[in-house]
PDB file of N, CA and C in Angstrom:
ATOM      1  N   MET A   1     -16.300  -3.649   4.695  1.00  0.00           N
ATOM      2  CA  MET A   1     -15.176  -4.618   4.643  1.00  0.00           C
ATOM      3  C   MET A   1     -15.577  -5.607   5.871  1.00  0.00           C
ATOM      4  N   ASN A   2     -15.199  -6.813   5.604  1.00  0.00           N
ATOM      5  CA  ASN A   2     -15.562  -7.855   6.785  1.00  0.00           C
ATOM      6  C   ASN A   2     -14.199  -7.922   7.482  1.00  0.00           C
ATOM      7  N   ALA A   3     -14.130  -8.800   8.599  1.00  0.00           N
ATOM      8  CA  ALA A   3     -13.055  -8.842   9.416  1.00  0.00           C
ATOM      9  C   ALA A   3     -11.948  -9.472   8.652  1.00  0.00           C
ATOM     10  N   GLN A   4     -12.086 -10.483   7.816  1.00  0.00           N
ATOM     11  CA  GLN A   4     -10.915 -11.060   6.947  1.00  0.00           C
ATOM     12  C   GLN A   4     -10.280  -9.979   6.021  1.00  0.00           C
ATOM     13  N   THR A   5     -11.176  -9.240   5.319  1.00  0.00           N
ATOM     14  CA  THR A   5     -10.767  -8.051   4.494  1.00  0.00           C
ATOM     15  C   THR A   5      -9.974  -7.013   5.315  1.00  0.00           C
ATOM     16  N   ASP A   6     -10.554  -6.779   6.542  1.00  0.00           N
ATOM     17  CA  ASP A   6      -9.889  -5.744   7.347  1.00  0.00           C
ATOM     18  C   ASP A   6      -8.488  -6.119   7.689  1.00  0.00           C
ATOM     19  N   ASP A   7      -8.295  -7.409   8.038  1.00  0.00           N
ATOM     20  CA  ASP A   7      -7.041  -8.006   8.434  1.00  0.00           C
ATOM     21  C   ASP A   7      -6.165  -8.012   7.296  1.00  0.00           C
ATOM     22  N   LEU A   8      -6.619  -8.385   6.136  1.00  0.00           N
ATOM     23  CA  LEU A   8      -5.543  -8.416   5.006  1.00  0.00           C
ATOM     24  C   LEU A   8      -5.270  -6.856   4.656  1.00  0.00           C
ATOM     25  N   ALA A   9      -6.165  -5.896   4.637  1.00  0.00           N
ATOM     26  CA  ALA A   9      -5.993  -4.483   4.395  1.00  0.00           C
ATOM     27  C   ALA A   9      -4.875  -4.034   5.450  1.00  0.00           C
ATOM     28  N   GLY A  10      -5.022  -4.339   6.613  1.00  0.00           N
ATOM     29  CA  GLY A  10      -4.084  -3.754   7.682  1.00  0.00           C
ATOM     30  C   GLY A  10      -2.678  -4.450   7.390  1.00  0.00           C
ATOM     31  N   ARG A  11      -2.612  -5.852   7.136  1.00  0.00           N
ATOM     32  CA  ARG A  11      -1.189  -6.360   6.810  1.00  0.00           C
ATOM     33  C   ARG A  11      -0.718  -5.821   5.603  1.00  0.00           C
ATOM     34  N   LEU A  12      -1.407  -5.630   4.594  1.00  0.00           N
ATOM     35  CA  LEU A  12      -1.032  -5.087   3.273  1.00  0.00           C
ATOM     36  C   LEU A  12      -0.361  -3.601   3.593  1.00  0.00           C
ATOM     37  N   GLY A  13      -1.241  -2.796   4.314  1.00  0.00           N
ATOM     38  CA  GLY A  13      -0.842  -1.513   4.780  1.00  0.00           C
ATOM     39  C   GLY A  13       0.650  -1.422   5.382  1.00  0.00           C
ATOM     40  N   GLU A  14       0.794  -2.546   6.249  1.00  0.00           N
ATOM     41  CA  GLU A  14       2.075  -2.429   6.969  1.00  0.00           C
ATOM     42  C   GLU A  14       3.199  -2.768   6.007  1.00  0.00           C
ATOM     43  N   ILE A  15       2.949  -3.752   5.159  1.00  0.00           N
ATOM     44  CA  ILE A  15       3.976  -4.175   4.189  1.00  0.00           C
ATOM     45  C   ILE A  15       4.361  -3.003   3.188  1.00  0.00           C
ATOM     46  N   VAL A  16       3.412  -2.489   2.805  1.00  0.00           N
ATOM     47  CA  VAL A  16       3.708  -1.366   1.830  1.00  0.00           C
ATOM     48  C   VAL A  16       4.413  -0.048   2.598  1.00  0.00           C
ATOM     49  N   ASP A  17       3.942   0.124   3.745  1.00  0.00           N
ATOM     50  CA  ASP A  17       4.585   1.120   4.458  1.00  0.00           C
ATOM     51  C   ASP A  17       6.027   0.740   4.881  1.00  0.00           C
ATOM     52  N   ARG A  18       6.406  -0.477   5.294  1.00  0.00           N
ATOM     53  CA  ARG A  18       7.792  -0.849   5.380  1.00  0.00           C
ATOM     54  C   ARG A  18       8.503  -0.696   4.163  1.00  0.00           C
ATOM     55  N   ALA A  19       8.055  -1.184   2.998  1.00  0.00           N
ATOM     56  CA  ALA A  19       8.759  -1.159   1.862  1.00  0.00           C
ATOM     57  C   ALA A  19       9.049   0.394   1.389  1.00  0.00           C
ATOM     58  N   ARG A  20       7.949   1.129   1.742  1.00  0.00           N
ATOM     59  CA  ARG A  20       8.247   2.660   1.431  1.00  0.00           C
ATOM     60  C   ARG A  20       9.230   3.131   2.172  1.00  0.00           C
ATOM     61  N   ARG A  21       9.283   2.987   3.500  1.00  0.00           N
ATOM     62  CA  ARG A  21      10.381   3.426   4.308  1.00  0.00           C
ATOM     63  C   ARG A  21      11.712   2.867   3.958  1.00  0.00           C
ATOM     64  N   ALA A  22      11.847   1.571   3.715  1.00  0.00           N
ATOM     65  CA  ALA A  22      13.072   0.931   3.239  1.00  0.00           C
ATOM     66  C   ALA A  22      13.703   1.678   2.048  1.00  0.00           C
ATOM     67  N   ALA A  23      12.738   2.053   1.137  1.00  0.00           N
ATOM     68  CA  ALA A  23      13.060   2.703  -0.056  1.00  0.00           C
ATOM     69  C   ALA A  23      13.477   4.241   0.107  1.00  0.00           C
ATOM     70  N   GLY A  24      13.145   4.599   1.334  1.00  0.00           N
ATOM     71  CA  GLY A  24      13.577   6.190   1.597  1.00  0.00           C
ATOM     72  C   GLY A  24      12.676   7.222   1.095  1.00  0.00           C
ATOM     73  N   ILE A  25      11.415   6.735   0.907  1.00  0.00           N
ATOM     74  CA  ILE A  25      10.408   7.710   0.105  1.00  0.00           C
ATOM     75  C   ILE A  25       9.556   8.109   1.180  1.00  0.00           C
ATOM     76  N   SER A  26       9.319   9.394   1.322  1.00  0.00           N
ATOM     77  CA  SER A  26       8.319  10.029   2.315  1.00  0.00           C
ATOM     78  C   SER A  26       6.874   9.686   1.944  1.00  0.00           C
ATOM     79  N   GLN A  27       5.924   9.673   2.723  1.00  0.00           N
ATOM     80  CA  GLN A  27       4.571   9.228   2.500  1.00  0.00           C
ATOM     81  C   GLN A  27       4.008  10.252   1.452  1.00  0.00           C
ATOM     82  N   GLN A  28       4.313  11.500   1.577  1.00  0.00           N
ATOM     83  CA  GLN A  28       3.701  12.478   0.593  1.00  0.00           C
ATOM     84  C   GLN A  28       4.298  12.143  -0.734  1.00  0.00           C
ATOM     85  N   ASP A  29       5.464  11.903  -0.945  1.00  0.00           N
ATOM     86  CA  ASP A  29       6.127  11.574  -2.337  1.00  0.00           C
ATOM     87  C   ASP A  29       5.736  10.423  -2.852  1.00  0.00           C
ATOM     88  N   PHE A  30       5.501   9.263  -1.818  1.00  0.00           N
ATOM     89  CA  PHE A  30       4.888   8.025  -2.207  1.00  0.00           C
ATOM     90  C   PHE A  30       3.607   8.098  -2.868  1.00  0.00           C
ATOM     91  N   ALA A  31       2.723   8.898  -2.174  1.00  0.00           N
ATOM     92  CA  ALA A  31       1.299   9.122  -2.595  1.00  0.00           C
ATOM     93  C   ALA A  31       1.285   9.857  -3.846  1.00  0.00           C
ATOM     94  N   ARG A  32       2.241  10.807  -4.178  1.00  0.00           N
ATOM     95  CA  ARG A  32       2.090  11.499  -5.494  1.00  0.00           C
ATOM     96  C   ARG A  32       2.709  10.417  -6.525  1.00  0.00           C
ATOM     97  N   MET A  33       3.695   9.652  -6.301  1.00  0.00           N
ATOM     98  CA  MET A  33       4.344   8.903  -7.374  1.00  0.00           C
ATOM     99  C   MET A  33       3.431   7.678  -7.523  1.00  0.00           C
ATOM    100  N   SER A  34       2.512   7.255  -6.570  1.00  0.00           N
ATOM    101  CA  SER A  34       1.549   6.310  -6.927  1.00  0.00           C
ATOM    102  C   SER A  34       0.364   6.748  -7.317  1.00  0.00           C
ATOM    103  N   GLU A  35       0.151   7.999  -7.527  1.00  0.00           N
ATOM    104  CA  GLU A  35      -1.092   8.582  -8.097  1.00  0.00           C
ATOM    105  C   GLU A  35      -2.237   8.523  -7.178  1.00  0.00           C
ATOM    106  N   MET A  36      -2.057   8.863  -5.915  1.00  0.00           N
ATOM    107  CA  MET A  36      -3.153   9.022  -5.095  1.00  0.00           C
ATOM    108  C   MET A  36      -2.935  10.114  -4.076  1.00  0.00           C
ATOM    109  N   SER A  37      -4.117  10.498  -3.426  1.00  0.00           N
ATOM    110  CA  SER A  37      -3.945  11.473  -2.460  1.00  0.00           C
ATOM    111  C   SER A  37      -3.160  10.980  -1.178  1.00  0.00           C
ATOM    112  N   HIS A  38      -2.575  12.090  -0.546  1.00  0.00           N
ATOM    113  CA  HIS A  38      -1.899  11.529   0.577  1.00  0.00           C
ATOM    114  C   HIS A  38      -2.749  11.083   1.769  1.00  0.00           C
ATOM    115  N   ARG A  39      -3.954  11.660   1.833  1.00  0.00           N
ATOM    116  CA  ARG A  39      -5.030  11.161   2.881  1.00  0.00           C
ATOM    117  C   ARG A  39      -5.397   9.772   2.433  1.00  0.00           C
ATOM    118  N   THR A  40      -5.598   9.444   1.366  1.00  0.00           N
ATOM    119  CA  THR A  40      -6.035   8.092   0.768  1.00  0.00           C
ATOM    120  C   THR A  40      -4.822   7.111   1.133  1.00  0.00           C
ATOM    121  N   LEU A  41      -3.518   7.438   0.887  1.00  0.00           N
ATOM    122  CA  LEU A  41      -2.636   6.660   1.282  1.00  0.00           C
ATOM    123  C   LEU A  41      -2.671   6.347   2.851  1.00  0.00           C
ATOM    124  N   GLN A  42      -2.563   7.542   3.579  1.00  0.00           N
ATOM    125  CA  GLN A  42      -2.685   7.330   4.925  1.00  0.00           C
ATOM    126  C   GLN A  42      -3.692   6.303   5.594  1.00  0.00           C
ATOM    127  N   ARG A  43      -5.017   6.579   4.996  1.00  0.00           N
ATOM    128  CA  ARG A  43      -6.089   5.691   5.406  1.00  0.00           C
ATOM    129  C   ARG A  43      -5.866   4.252   5.108  1.00  0.00           C
ATOM    130  N   SER A  44      -5.323   4.035   3.852  1.00  0.00           N
ATOM    131  CA  SER A  44      -4.910   2.769   3.390  1.00  0.00           C
ATOM    132  C   SER A  44      -3.906   1.973   4.166  1.00  0.00           C
ATOM    133  N   LEU A  45      -2.844   2.823   4.393  1.00  0.00           N
ATOM    134  CA  LEU A  45      -1.748   2.264   5.246  1.00  0.00           C
ATOM    135  C   LEU A  45      -2.095   1.776   6.671  1.00  0.00           C
ATOM    136  N   ALA A  46      -3.212   2.702   7.092  1.00  0.00           N
ATOM    137  CA  ALA A  46      -3.662   2.374   8.673  1.00  0.00           C
ATOM    138  C   ALA A  46      -4.644   1.168   8.479  1.00  0.00           C
ATOM    139  N   GLY A  47      -5.131   0.761   7.376  1.00  0.00           N
ATOM    140  CA  GLY A  47      -6.015  -0.373   7.133  1.00  0.00           C
ATOM    141  C   GLY A  47      -7.374   0.003   7.373  1.00  0.00           C
ATOM    142  N   GLU A  48      -7.656   1.433   7.163  1.00  0.00           N
ATOM    143  CA  GLU A  48      -9.037   1.806   7.314  1.00  0.00           C
ATOM    144  C   GLU A  48      -9.866   1.806   5.969  1.00  0.00           C
ATOM    145  N   ARG A  49      -9.066   1.377   4.826  1.00  0.00           N
ATOM    146  CA  ARG A  49      -9.685   1.280   3.510  1.00  0.00           C
ATOM    147  C   ARG A  49      -8.621   0.048   2.817  1.00  0.00           C
ATOM    148  N   SER A  50      -9.259  -0.551   1.790  1.00  0.00           N
ATOM    149  CA  SER A  50      -8.482  -1.336   1.112  1.00  0.00           C
ATOM    150  C   SER A  50      -7.849  -0.647  -0.085  1.00  0.00           C
ATOM    151  N   PHE A  51      -6.595  -0.939  -0.627  1.00  0.00           N
ATOM    152  CA  PHE A  51      -6.089  -0.434  -1.780  1.00  0.00           C
ATOM    153  C   PHE A  51      -6.964  -0.847  -3.020  1.00  0.00           C
ATOM    154  N   THR A  52      -7.144  -0.059  -3.967  1.00  0.00           N
ATOM    155  CA  THR A  52      -7.565  -0.595  -5.240  1.00  0.00           C
ATOM    156  C   THR A  52      -6.574  -1.223  -6.011  1.00  0.00           C
ATOM    157  N   PHE A  53      -7.087  -2.051  -6.947  1.00  0.00           N
ATOM    158  CA  PHE A  53      -6.056  -2.712  -7.916  1.00  0.00           C
ATOM    159  C   PHE A  53      -5.138  -1.726  -8.538  1.00  0.00           C
ATOM    160  N   GLU A  54      -5.546  -0.658  -9.123  1.00  0.00           N
ATOM    161  CA  GLU A  54      -4.810   0.401  -9.675  1.00  0.00           C
ATOM    162  C   GLU A  54      -3.775   0.949  -8.815  1.00  0.00           C
ATOM    163  N   GLU A  55      -4.145   1.211  -7.386  1.00  0.00           N
ATOM    164  CA  GLU A  55      -3.118   1.634  -6.547  1.00  0.00           C
ATOM    165  C   GLU A  55      -2.137   0.777  -6.189  1.00  0.00           C
ATOM    166  N   LEU A  56      -2.575  -0.620  -6.098  1.00  0.00           N
ATOM    167  CA  LEU A  56      -1.511  -1.645  -5.993  1.00  0.00           C
ATOM    168  C   LEU A  56      -0.508  -1.652  -7.066  1.00  0.00           C
ATOM    169  N   ILE A  57      -1.102  -1.637  -8.268  1.00  0.00           N
ATOM    170  CA  ILE A  57      -0.097  -1.684  -9.530  1.00  0.00           C
ATOM    171  C   ILE A  57       0.724  -0.515  -9.509  1.00  0.00           C
ATOM    172  N   ASN A  58       0.391   0.876  -9.123  1.00  0.00           N
ATOM    173  CA  ASN A  58       1.056   1.906  -8.971  1.00  0.00           C
ATOM    174  C   ASN A  58       2.103   1.941  -7.934  1.00  0.00           C
ATOM    175  N   MET A  59       1.802   1.447  -6.738  1.00  0.00           N
ATOM    176  CA  MET A  59       2.785   1.281  -5.746  1.00  0.00           C
ATOM    177  C   MET A  59       3.827   0.316  -5.943  1.00  0.00           C
ATOM    178  N   ALA A  60       3.530  -0.859  -6.704  1.00  0.00           N
ATOM    179  CA  ALA A  60       4.365  -1.866  -6.951  1.00  0.00           C
ATOM    180  C   ALA A  60       5.339  -1.240  -8.160  1.00  0.00           C
ATOM    181  N   ARG A  61       4.893  -0.422  -8.825  1.00  0.00           N
ATOM    182  CA  ARG A  61       5.827   0.133  -9.860  1.00  0.00           C
ATOM    183  C   ARG A  61       6.876   1.050  -9.232  1.00  0.00           C
ATOM    184  N   VAL A  62       6.276   1.932  -8.409  1.00  0.00           N
ATOM    185  CA  VAL A  62       7.038   2.786  -7.425  1.00  0.00           C
ATOM    186  C   VAL A  62       8.142   2.060  -6.724  1.00  0.00           C
ATOM    187  N   LEU A  63       7.730   0.964  -6.084  1.00  0.00           N
ATOM    188  CA  LEU A  63       8.650   0.089  -5.116  1.00  0.00           C
ATOM    189  C   LEU A  63       9.516  -0.780  -6.158  1.00  0.00           C
ATOM    190  N   ASP A  64       9.339  -0.827  -7.300  1.00  0.00           N
ATOM    191  CA  ASP A  64       9.955  -1.880  -8.174  1.00  0.00           C
ATOM    192  C   ASP A  64       9.895  -3.268  -7.857  1.00  0.00           C
ATOM    193  N   VAL A  65       8.742  -3.596  -7.479  1.00  0.00           N
ATOM    194  CA  VAL A  65       8.289  -5.037  -7.104  1.00  0.00           C
ATOM    195  C   VAL A  65       7.181  -5.591  -7.956  1.00  0.00           C
ATOM    196  N   PRO A  66       7.244  -6.813  -8.000  1.00  0.00           N
ATOM    197  CA  PRO A  66       5.799  -7.390  -8.684  1.00  0.00           C
ATOM    198  C   PRO A  66       4.611  -7.152  -7.850  1.00  0.00           C
ATOM    199  N   PRO A  67       3.545  -6.663  -8.505  1.00  0.00           N
ATOM    200  CA  PRO A  67       2.205  -6.502  -7.590  1.00  0.00           C
ATOM    201  C   PRO A  67       2.098  -7.726  -6.828  1.00  0.00           C
ATOM    202  N   GLU A  68       2.131  -8.797  -7.217  1.00  0.00           N
ATOM    203  CA  GLU A  68       1.597 -10.063  -6.653  1.00  0.00           C
ATOM    204  C   GLU A  68       2.460 -10.217  -5.273  1.00  0.00           C
ATOM    205  N   SER A  69       3.680  -9.723  -5.281  1.00  0.00           N
ATOM    206  CA  SER A  69       4.660 -10.071  -4.220  1.00  0.00           C
ATOM    207  C   SER A  69       3.960  -9.189  -3.063  1.00  0.00           C
ATOM    208  N   LEU A  70       3.296  -8.115  -3.200  1.00  0.00           N
ATOM    209  CA  LEU A  70       2.830  -7.411  -2.031  1.00  0.00           C
ATOM    210  C   LEU A  70       1.607  -8.267  -1.328  1.00  0.00           C
ATOM    211  N   TYR A  71       0.654  -9.015  -2.114  1.00  0.00           N
ATOM    212  CA  TYR A  71      -0.134  -9.843  -1.498  1.00  0.00           C
ATOM    213  C   TYR A  71       0.400 -10.970  -1.048  1.00  0.00           C
ATOM    214  N   ALA A  72       1.318 -11.634  -1.795  1.00  0.00           N
ATOM    215  CA  ALA A  72       2.064 -12.882  -1.159  1.00  0.00           C
ATOM    216  C   ALA A  72       2.500 -12.656   0.032  1.00  0.00           C
ATOM    217  N   ILE A  73       3.301 -11.470   0.468  1.00  0.00           N
ATOM    218  CA  ILE A  73       3.773 -11.234   1.734  1.00  0.00           C
ATOM    219  C   ILE A  73       2.699 -11.115   2.765  1.00  0.00           C
ATOM    220  N   ALA A  74       1.492 -10.443   2.333  1.00  0.00           N
ATOM    221  CA  ALA A  74       0.444 -10.105   3.218  1.00  0.00           C
ATOM    222  C   ALA A  74      -0.337 -11.407   3.606  1.00  0.00           C
ATOM    223  N   GLY A  75      -0.349 -12.353   2.648  1.00  0.00           N
ATOM    224  CA  GLY A  75      -1.297 -13.344   2.541  1.00  0.00           C
ATOM    225  C   GLY A  75      -1.676 -14.378   3.533  1.00  0.00           C
TER     226      GLY A  75
END
C-alpha cells in the first residue's frame, strides 16, 4: 500500500468501527456477520490492511447502509 492508500484504509477503518459501535455490535460478532475472521477485521479497522470489495459489501449489508456511503464518508 502507498501513503494515499494507507490513509484511506485508516479512515475507512475508523468509519466502519464507528458505525459498528453505533449499531451496538461487538467486533467478534461483526466479523462473523461480515464473513471474515476477527483478526482480519482488527487489522483492517486499524488500517494495517485494506478491506476487500467483498468485505465492504458484507459490512455494508450488516450495517444496513449502501456500500458506496462508506467510501463517500472516508473519501
